[in-house]
């Protein structure tokens, strides 16, 4: 992330697992919020047929249908479920907030993905 400004182009290969990774979604959200990258950014969005290029691809999903209405909904639903799961973990853990600090950080990240980052794919 810190060295991106040193490069002429940013190439991002978008797969199903990429769109379900909090670290990847945070990264792409940060890149897209910097207007200087919009002309220098190239997304390669994998399709299900691209699985033939993977060595270990049994029961794997690689296609990222982020630009179809159903696909968008499924990724939003995925991140909403992650948010609900983390909330339930926080609720189930008894004790002081030190016990849930990491979960609260993860919850903030998931909320950011839902509010800001998953939507960046719709405007490109």
N, C-alpha and C. Protein backbone atom coordinates (compact mmCIF):
# COMPACT_ATOMS: atom_id res chain seq x y z
N UNK A 1 0.82 -1.20 0.00
CA UNK A 1 0.00 0.00 0.00
C UNK A 1 0.86 1.26 0.00
N UNK A 2 1.91 1.27 0.78
CA UNK A 2 2.71 2.48 0.92
C UNK A 2 3.57 2.76 -0.30
N UNK A 3 3.82 1.76 -1.13
CA UNK A 3 4.68 1.97 -2.30
C UNK A 3 3.91 2.16 -3.60
N UNK A 4 2.60 2.14 -3.55
CA UNK A 4 1.81 2.24 -4.77
C UNK A 4 2.07 3.54 -5.54
N UNK A 5 2.32 4.61 -4.84
CA UNK A 5 2.57 5.89 -5.51
C UNK A 5 3.86 5.88 -6.31
N UNK A 6 4.71 4.88 -6.08
CA UNK A 6 5.97 4.77 -6.81
C UNK A 6 5.80 4.06 -8.15
N UNK A 7 4.60 3.56 -8.45
CA UNK A 7 4.35 2.77 -9.65
C UNK A 7 3.43 3.52 -10.61
N UNK A 8 3.58 3.21 -11.88
CA UNK A 8 2.76 3.85 -12.90
C UNK A 8 1.35 3.26 -12.97
N UNK A 9 1.22 1.96 -12.70
CA UNK A 9 -0.06 1.29 -12.80
C UNK A 9 -0.27 0.36 -11.62
N UNK A 10 -1.54 0.13 -11.32
CA UNK A 10 -1.93 -0.84 -10.30
C UNK A 10 -2.79 -1.87 -11.01
N UNK A 11 -2.39 -3.12 -10.92
CA UNK A 11 -3.12 -4.22 -11.52
C UNK A 11 -3.68 -5.07 -10.38
N UNK A 12 -4.99 -5.23 -10.36
CA UNK A 12 -5.64 -6.01 -9.31
C UNK A 12 -6.41 -7.16 -9.95
N UNK A 13 -6.08 -8.38 -9.53
CA UNK A 13 -6.78 -9.56 -10.02
C UNK A 13 -7.85 -9.89 -8.99
N UNK A 14 -9.09 -9.77 -9.40
CA UNK A 14 -10.24 -9.89 -8.49
C UNK A 14 -10.86 -11.27 -8.64
N UNK A 15 -10.85 -12.01 -7.55
CA UNK A 15 -11.46 -13.34 -7.50
C UNK A 15 -12.53 -13.34 -6.41
N UNK A 16 -13.23 -14.44 -6.32
CA UNK A 16 -14.23 -14.60 -5.26
C UNK A 16 -13.57 -14.47 -3.89
N UNK A 17 -12.43 -15.13 -3.72
CA UNK A 17 -11.76 -15.07 -2.41
C UNK A 17 -11.22 -13.68 -2.12
N UNK A 18 -10.84 -12.93 -3.14
CA UNK A 18 -10.38 -11.55 -2.96
C UNK A 18 -11.52 -10.71 -2.38
N UNK A 19 -12.71 -10.87 -2.96
CA UNK A 19 -13.86 -10.09 -2.51
C UNK A 19 -14.38 -10.52 -1.14
N UNK A 20 -13.90 -11.65 -0.64
CA UNK A 20 -14.30 -12.12 0.68
C UNK A 20 -13.17 -11.99 1.70
N UNK A 21 -12.13 -11.28 1.34
CA UNK A 21 -10.99 -11.06 2.23
C UNK A 21 -11.05 -9.63 2.77
N UNK A 22 -11.08 -9.51 4.08
CA UNK A 22 -11.16 -8.16 4.67
C UNK A 22 -9.91 -7.35 4.34
N UNK A 23 -8.76 -7.98 4.32
CA UNK A 23 -7.53 -7.25 4.00
C UNK A 23 -7.53 -6.76 2.55
N UNK A 24 -7.95 -7.61 1.63
CA UNK A 24 -8.00 -7.21 0.22
C UNK A 24 -9.03 -6.11 -0.01
N UNK A 25 -10.18 -6.24 0.63
CA UNK A 25 -11.22 -5.22 0.44
C UNK A 25 -10.79 -3.88 1.03
N UNK A 26 -10.10 -3.91 2.14
CA UNK A 26 -9.58 -2.68 2.71
C UNK A 26 -8.59 -2.04 1.74
N UNK A 27 -7.70 -2.86 1.19
CA UNK A 27 -6.68 -2.36 0.27
C UNK A 27 -7.29 -1.72 -0.97
N UNK A 28 -8.22 -2.40 -1.60
CA UNK A 28 -8.83 -1.85 -2.82
C UNK A 28 -9.63 -0.59 -2.52
N UNK A 29 -10.25 -0.56 -1.37
CA UNK A 29 -10.99 0.65 -0.98
C UNK A 29 -10.07 1.84 -0.82
N UNK A 30 -8.92 1.62 -0.23
CA UNK A 30 -7.94 2.70 -0.06
C UNK A 30 -7.39 3.17 -1.41
N UNK A 31 -7.13 2.24 -2.30
CA UNK A 31 -6.62 2.60 -3.63
C UNK A 31 -7.64 3.45 -4.37
N UNK A 32 -8.90 3.04 -4.34
CA UNK A 32 -9.92 3.73 -5.12
C UNK A 32 -10.32 5.08 -4.55
N UNK A 33 -10.04 5.32 -3.30
CA UNK A 33 -10.35 6.63 -2.72
C UNK A 33 -9.31 7.68 -3.11
N UNK A 34 -8.21 7.24 -3.66
CA UNK A 34 -7.17 8.16 -4.12
C UNK A 34 -7.41 8.44 -5.60
N UNK A 35 -7.93 9.61 -5.93
CA UNK A 35 -8.30 9.95 -7.30
C UNK A 35 -7.15 9.80 -8.29
N UNK A 36 -5.93 9.90 -7.84
CA UNK A 36 -4.80 9.81 -8.76
C UNK A 36 -4.64 8.41 -9.35
N UNK A 37 -5.30 7.41 -8.79
CA UNK A 37 -5.16 6.06 -9.31
C UNK A 37 -6.24 5.68 -10.31
N UNK A 38 -7.31 6.43 -10.40
CA UNK A 38 -8.43 6.01 -11.24
C UNK A 38 -8.03 5.80 -12.69
N UNK A 39 -7.11 6.57 -13.21
CA UNK A 39 -6.66 6.40 -14.59
C UNK A 39 -5.54 5.37 -14.71
N UNK A 40 -5.01 4.93 -13.61
CA UNK A 40 -3.87 4.01 -13.62
C UNK A 40 -4.20 2.67 -12.98
N UNK A 41 -5.47 2.35 -12.89
CA UNK A 41 -5.92 1.14 -12.21
C UNK A 41 -6.57 0.20 -13.22
N UNK A 42 -6.18 -1.04 -13.18
CA UNK A 42 -6.77 -2.05 -14.05
C UNK A 42 -7.21 -3.23 -13.20
N UNK A 43 -8.50 -3.53 -13.26
CA UNK A 43 -9.03 -4.71 -12.59
C UNK A 43 -9.14 -5.84 -13.61
N UNK A 44 -8.66 -6.99 -13.23
CA UNK A 44 -8.91 -8.20 -14.00
C UNK A 44 -9.82 -9.04 -13.12
N UNK A 45 -11.06 -9.20 -13.55
CA UNK A 45 -12.05 -9.92 -12.77
C UNK A 45 -12.14 -11.34 -13.32
N UNK A 46 -11.82 -12.31 -12.46
CA UNK A 46 -11.83 -13.70 -12.88
C UNK A 46 -13.24 -14.22 -13.10
N UNK A 47 -13.35 -15.13 -14.02
CA UNK A 47 -14.60 -15.81 -14.35
C UNK A 47 -14.48 -17.26 -13.88
N UNK A 48 -15.59 -17.93 -13.69
CA UNK A 48 -15.54 -19.33 -13.25
C UNK A 48 -14.72 -20.21 -14.18
N UNK A 49 -14.70 -19.90 -15.47
CA UNK A 49 -13.95 -20.72 -16.42
C UNK A 49 -12.44 -20.58 -16.22
N UNK A 50 -11.99 -19.58 -15.49
CA UNK A 50 -10.56 -19.40 -15.23
C UNK A 50 -10.00 -20.41 -14.24
N UNK A 51 -10.86 -21.23 -13.67
CA UNK A 51 -10.41 -22.22 -12.70
C UNK A 51 -9.45 -23.22 -13.32
N UNK A 52 -9.52 -23.39 -14.62
CA UNK A 52 -8.63 -24.36 -15.29
C UNK A 52 -7.15 -23.97 -15.15
N UNK A 53 -6.88 -22.72 -14.77
CA UNK A 53 -5.50 -22.26 -14.61
C UNK A 53 -4.96 -22.48 -13.20
N UNK A 54 -5.77 -23.03 -12.32
CA UNK A 54 -5.36 -23.29 -10.94
C UNK A 54 -4.89 -24.74 -10.81
N UNK A 55 -3.86 -24.95 -10.00
CA UNK A 55 -3.36 -26.32 -9.78
C UNK A 55 -4.32 -27.10 -8.90
N UNK A 56 -4.66 -26.56 -7.74
CA UNK A 56 -5.53 -27.23 -6.78
C UNK A 56 -6.87 -26.51 -6.77
N UNK A 57 -7.77 -26.96 -7.61
CA UNK A 57 -9.02 -26.24 -7.77
C UNK A 57 -10.26 -27.08 -7.51
N UNK A 58 -10.12 -28.14 -6.78
CA UNK A 58 -11.28 -28.97 -6.48
C UNK A 58 -12.25 -28.19 -5.60
N UNK A 59 -13.48 -28.08 -6.06
CA UNK A 59 -14.55 -27.39 -5.33
C UNK A 59 -14.22 -25.93 -5.02
N UNK A 60 -13.38 -25.31 -5.83
CA UNK A 60 -13.03 -23.90 -5.62
C UNK A 60 -13.92 -23.01 -6.47
N UNK A 61 -14.15 -21.83 -5.96
CA UNK A 61 -14.86 -20.80 -6.71
C UNK A 61 -13.86 -19.69 -6.98
N UNK A 62 -13.66 -19.36 -8.23
CA UNK A 62 -12.73 -18.27 -8.53
C UNK A 62 -13.46 -17.08 -9.13
N UNK A 63 -14.55 -17.34 -9.82
CA UNK A 63 -15.28 -16.27 -10.49
C UNK A 63 -15.81 -15.25 -9.51
N UNK A 64 -15.68 -13.99 -9.90
CA UNK A 64 -16.15 -12.88 -9.07
C UNK A 64 -17.20 -12.12 -9.86
N UNK A 65 -18.44 -12.44 -9.65
CA UNK A 65 -19.51 -11.80 -10.42
C UNK A 65 -19.99 -10.54 -9.72
N UNK A 66 -19.06 -9.64 -9.47
CA UNK A 66 -19.34 -8.42 -8.73
C UNK A 66 -20.15 -7.41 -9.54
N UNK A 67 -20.16 -7.55 -10.86
CA UNK A 67 -20.85 -6.57 -11.69
C UNK A 67 -22.25 -7.01 -12.10
N UNK A 68 -22.68 -8.19 -11.71
CA UNK A 68 -24.07 -8.59 -11.98
C UNK A 68 -24.92 -8.22 -10.78
N UNK A 69 -26.19 -7.93 -10.98
CA UNK A 69 -27.05 -7.57 -9.84
C UNK A 69 -27.08 -8.66 -8.76
N UNK A 70 -27.18 -9.91 -9.16
CA UNK A 70 -27.20 -11.01 -8.20
C UNK A 70 -25.85 -11.14 -7.51
N UNK A 71 -24.78 -11.02 -8.27
CA UNK A 71 -23.45 -11.12 -7.69
C UNK A 71 -23.19 -10.04 -6.66
N UNK A 72 -23.57 -8.81 -6.96
CA UNK A 72 -23.40 -7.71 -6.00
C UNK A 72 -24.13 -8.03 -4.70
N UNK A 73 -25.36 -8.48 -4.86
CA UNK A 73 -26.17 -8.80 -3.68
C UNK A 73 -25.49 -9.89 -2.83
N UNK A 74 -24.95 -10.92 -3.49
CA UNK A 74 -24.34 -12.02 -2.75
C UNK A 74 -23.11 -11.58 -1.96
N UNK A 75 -22.34 -10.65 -2.51
CA UNK A 75 -21.17 -10.15 -1.75
C UNK A 75 -21.61 -9.24 -0.61
N UNK A 76 -22.63 -8.44 -0.84
CA UNK A 76 -23.16 -7.62 0.25
C UNK A 76 -23.72 -8.52 1.34
N UNK A 77 -24.44 -9.55 0.95
CA UNK A 77 -24.99 -10.51 1.92
C UNK A 77 -23.86 -11.20 2.69
N UNK A 78 -22.79 -11.57 2.01
CA UNK A 78 -21.65 -12.21 2.66
C UNK A 78 -21.09 -11.31 3.76
N UNK A 79 -20.85 -10.03 3.43
CA UNK A 79 -20.27 -9.12 4.41
C UNK A 79 -21.26 -8.80 5.53
N UNK A 80 -22.54 -8.78 5.23
CA UNK A 80 -23.55 -8.58 6.28
C UNK A 80 -23.53 -9.76 7.25
N UNK A 81 -23.38 -10.97 6.73
CA UNK A 81 -23.30 -12.16 7.58
C UNK A 81 -22.04 -12.13 8.44
N UNK A 82 -20.93 -11.65 7.88
CA UNK A 82 -19.70 -11.53 8.66
C UNK A 82 -19.90 -10.55 9.81
N UNK A 83 -20.56 -9.45 9.54
CA UNK A 83 -20.84 -8.45 10.57
C UNK A 83 -21.69 -9.06 11.69
N UNK A 84 -22.74 -9.77 11.31
CA UNK A 84 -23.62 -10.39 12.30
C UNK A 84 -22.88 -11.44 13.12
N UNK A 85 -22.00 -12.21 12.47
CA UNK A 85 -21.23 -13.23 13.17
C UNK A 85 -20.30 -12.60 14.21
N UNK A 86 -19.60 -11.55 13.82
CA UNK A 86 -18.69 -10.88 14.75
C UNK A 86 -19.47 -10.26 15.89
N UNK A 87 -20.61 -9.65 15.60
CA UNK A 87 -21.46 -9.09 16.66
C UNK A 87 -21.87 -10.17 17.65
N UNK A 88 -22.23 -11.35 17.15
CA UNK A 88 -22.65 -12.42 18.05
C UNK A 88 -21.48 -12.92 18.90
N UNK A 89 -20.28 -12.95 18.33
CA UNK A 89 -19.10 -13.34 19.11
C UNK A 89 -18.84 -12.34 20.23
N UNK A 90 -18.95 -11.07 19.91
CA UNK A 90 -18.74 -10.03 20.93
C UNK A 90 -19.77 -10.16 22.03
N UNK A 91 -21.01 -10.41 21.66
CA UNK A 91 -22.09 -10.55 22.64
C UNK A 91 -21.87 -11.77 23.53
N UNK A 92 -21.36 -12.85 22.96
CA UNK A 92 -21.17 -14.09 23.71
C UNK A 92 -19.98 -14.07 24.65
N UNK A 93 -19.03 -13.21 24.40
CA UNK A 93 -17.84 -13.14 25.26
C UNK A 93 -18.16 -12.25 26.46
N UNK A 94 -18.01 -12.83 27.62
CA UNK A 94 -18.28 -12.09 28.86
C UNK A 94 -16.98 -11.47 29.36
N UNK A 95 -17.09 -10.39 30.08
CA UNK A 95 -15.90 -9.78 30.68
C UNK A 95 -15.67 -8.38 30.15
N UNK A 96 -14.47 -7.89 30.39
CA UNK A 96 -14.18 -6.52 30.01
C UNK A 96 -13.90 -6.40 28.51
N UNK A 97 -13.80 -5.17 28.06
CA UNK A 97 -13.64 -4.92 26.63
C UNK A 97 -12.29 -5.37 26.09
N UNK A 98 -11.33 -5.63 26.95
CA UNK A 98 -10.03 -6.13 26.51
C UNK A 98 -10.19 -7.47 25.80
N UNK A 99 -11.15 -8.27 26.27
CA UNK A 99 -11.39 -9.59 25.67
C UNK A 99 -11.93 -9.50 24.25
N UNK A 100 -12.56 -8.40 23.91
CA UNK A 100 -13.18 -8.28 22.59
C UNK A 100 -12.53 -7.21 21.71
N UNK A 101 -11.39 -6.68 22.12
CA UNK A 101 -10.77 -5.57 21.37
C UNK A 101 -10.48 -5.96 19.92
N UNK A 102 -9.91 -7.13 19.70
CA UNK A 102 -9.61 -7.57 18.34
C UNK A 102 -10.87 -7.75 17.51
N UNK A 103 -11.90 -8.30 18.14
CA UNK A 103 -13.17 -8.48 17.44
C UNK A 103 -13.80 -7.13 17.09
N UNK A 104 -13.69 -6.17 17.98
CA UNK A 104 -14.25 -4.84 17.70
C UNK A 104 -13.50 -4.16 16.55
N UNK A 105 -12.20 -4.37 16.48
CA UNK A 105 -11.43 -3.84 15.34
C UNK A 105 -11.88 -4.49 14.03
N UNK A 106 -12.07 -5.81 14.08
CA UNK A 106 -12.53 -6.53 12.89
C UNK A 106 -13.93 -6.08 12.49
N UNK A 107 -14.78 -5.83 13.48
CA UNK A 107 -16.13 -5.35 13.20
C UNK A 107 -16.09 -3.99 12.51
N UNK A 108 -15.24 -3.11 12.96
CA UNK A 108 -15.10 -1.79 12.32
C UNK A 108 -14.67 -1.94 10.87
N UNK A 109 -13.75 -2.86 10.62
CA UNK A 109 -13.28 -3.10 9.26
C UNK A 109 -14.40 -3.64 8.38
N UNK A 110 -15.16 -4.60 8.89
CA UNK A 110 -16.27 -5.17 8.13
C UNK A 110 -17.34 -4.10 7.86
N UNK A 111 -17.63 -3.27 8.83
CA UNK A 111 -18.60 -2.19 8.61
C UNK A 111 -18.10 -1.23 7.55
N UNK A 112 -16.82 -0.94 7.53
CA UNK A 112 -16.24 -0.06 6.51
C UNK A 112 -16.37 -0.70 5.13
N UNK A 113 -16.12 -1.99 5.05
CA UNK A 113 -16.26 -2.71 3.78
C UNK A 113 -17.70 -2.60 3.29
N UNK A 114 -18.65 -2.82 4.18
CA UNK A 114 -20.06 -2.74 3.79
C UNK A 114 -20.46 -1.33 3.37
N UNK A 115 -20.01 -0.35 4.09
CA UNK A 115 -20.44 1.03 3.83
C UNK A 115 -19.70 1.67 2.66
N UNK A 116 -18.43 1.33 2.48
CA UNK A 116 -17.61 2.05 1.50
C UNK A 116 -16.97 1.18 0.44
N UNK A 117 -16.37 0.09 0.83
CA UNK A 117 -15.46 -0.62 -0.07
C UNK A 117 -16.14 -1.52 -1.09
N UNK A 118 -17.16 -2.25 -0.72
CA UNK A 118 -17.80 -3.15 -1.68
C UNK A 118 -18.47 -2.34 -2.79
N UNK A 119 -18.90 -1.14 -2.48
CA UNK A 119 -19.55 -0.29 -3.46
C UNK A 119 -18.63 0.28 -4.51
N UNK A 120 -17.32 0.31 -4.27
CA UNK A 120 -16.41 0.92 -5.24
C UNK A 120 -16.40 0.15 -6.55
N UNK A 121 -16.74 -1.10 -6.53
CA UNK A 121 -16.75 -1.88 -7.76
C UNK A 121 -17.92 -1.50 -8.67
N UNK A 122 -18.92 -0.88 -8.14
CA UNK A 122 -20.10 -0.54 -8.93
C UNK A 122 -19.89 0.71 -9.75
N UNK A 123 -18.95 1.55 -9.35
CA UNK A 123 -18.79 2.83 -10.03
C UNK A 123 -17.71 2.80 -11.10
N UNK A 124 -16.97 1.73 -11.19
CA UNK A 124 -15.86 1.67 -12.14
C UNK A 124 -16.34 1.12 -13.47
